[in-house]
């Protein structure tokens, strides 16, 4: 009797383990397919301004939309969303200046990242809240890009991003908001103008 019980227990545990392995394999490959997905989008060209009022507008947008909150007041990143000890993976805020360890973005690259949540290879950025800023008007977006482009370079190398098994599973289940581009309406019609902006002491 005991031998039969042990046999059936072994079969049940083996079957459960097999199901878990199958589930993880499905989660891993589907998540990786989403990470590697190349999006076909039309990146709208914007005329980037170069005047003090646009700079002030862009600075204000960067502050209220969280750019400086995530990437720091110097925009050189380094904030850990999850470090090497996290079961999710390794993910730090990027250095978005043009210093060592930063990025070399053209105006079109900035539009692609901010409006579509995509990198230069048209794949989704990780954990960047472009879905909270992509719909701002064209003149606001252009002002934001002007501000970002004018920031001085900071040399700071950021650890490479990676995803651990739990991060894969939670991304697959929709419980880890990793892939920015999936949250954006890439066909949205964006207004050209925003309400007039005036610099004041509150900004």
Foldseek 3Di string as FASTA:
>chain_A
DVVVVVVVVVVVVVVVVVVVVVLLVVLQVVLVCQQPDADDFDQDDADADDDDQLLLLLVVCCVVVCQCVQCNPLNQWDAWPDPPPDQFWTDTRHRCAPAAQHDDDDLSQLSCCLQQCAHPRRGHAWPDQSQSPNQAARSSSSSNSNNSHPRHYDHDRYDDIDGHSVNSNCVSVVNHRTGNNVNHDSPDDHHHDDPDDDDDPVD
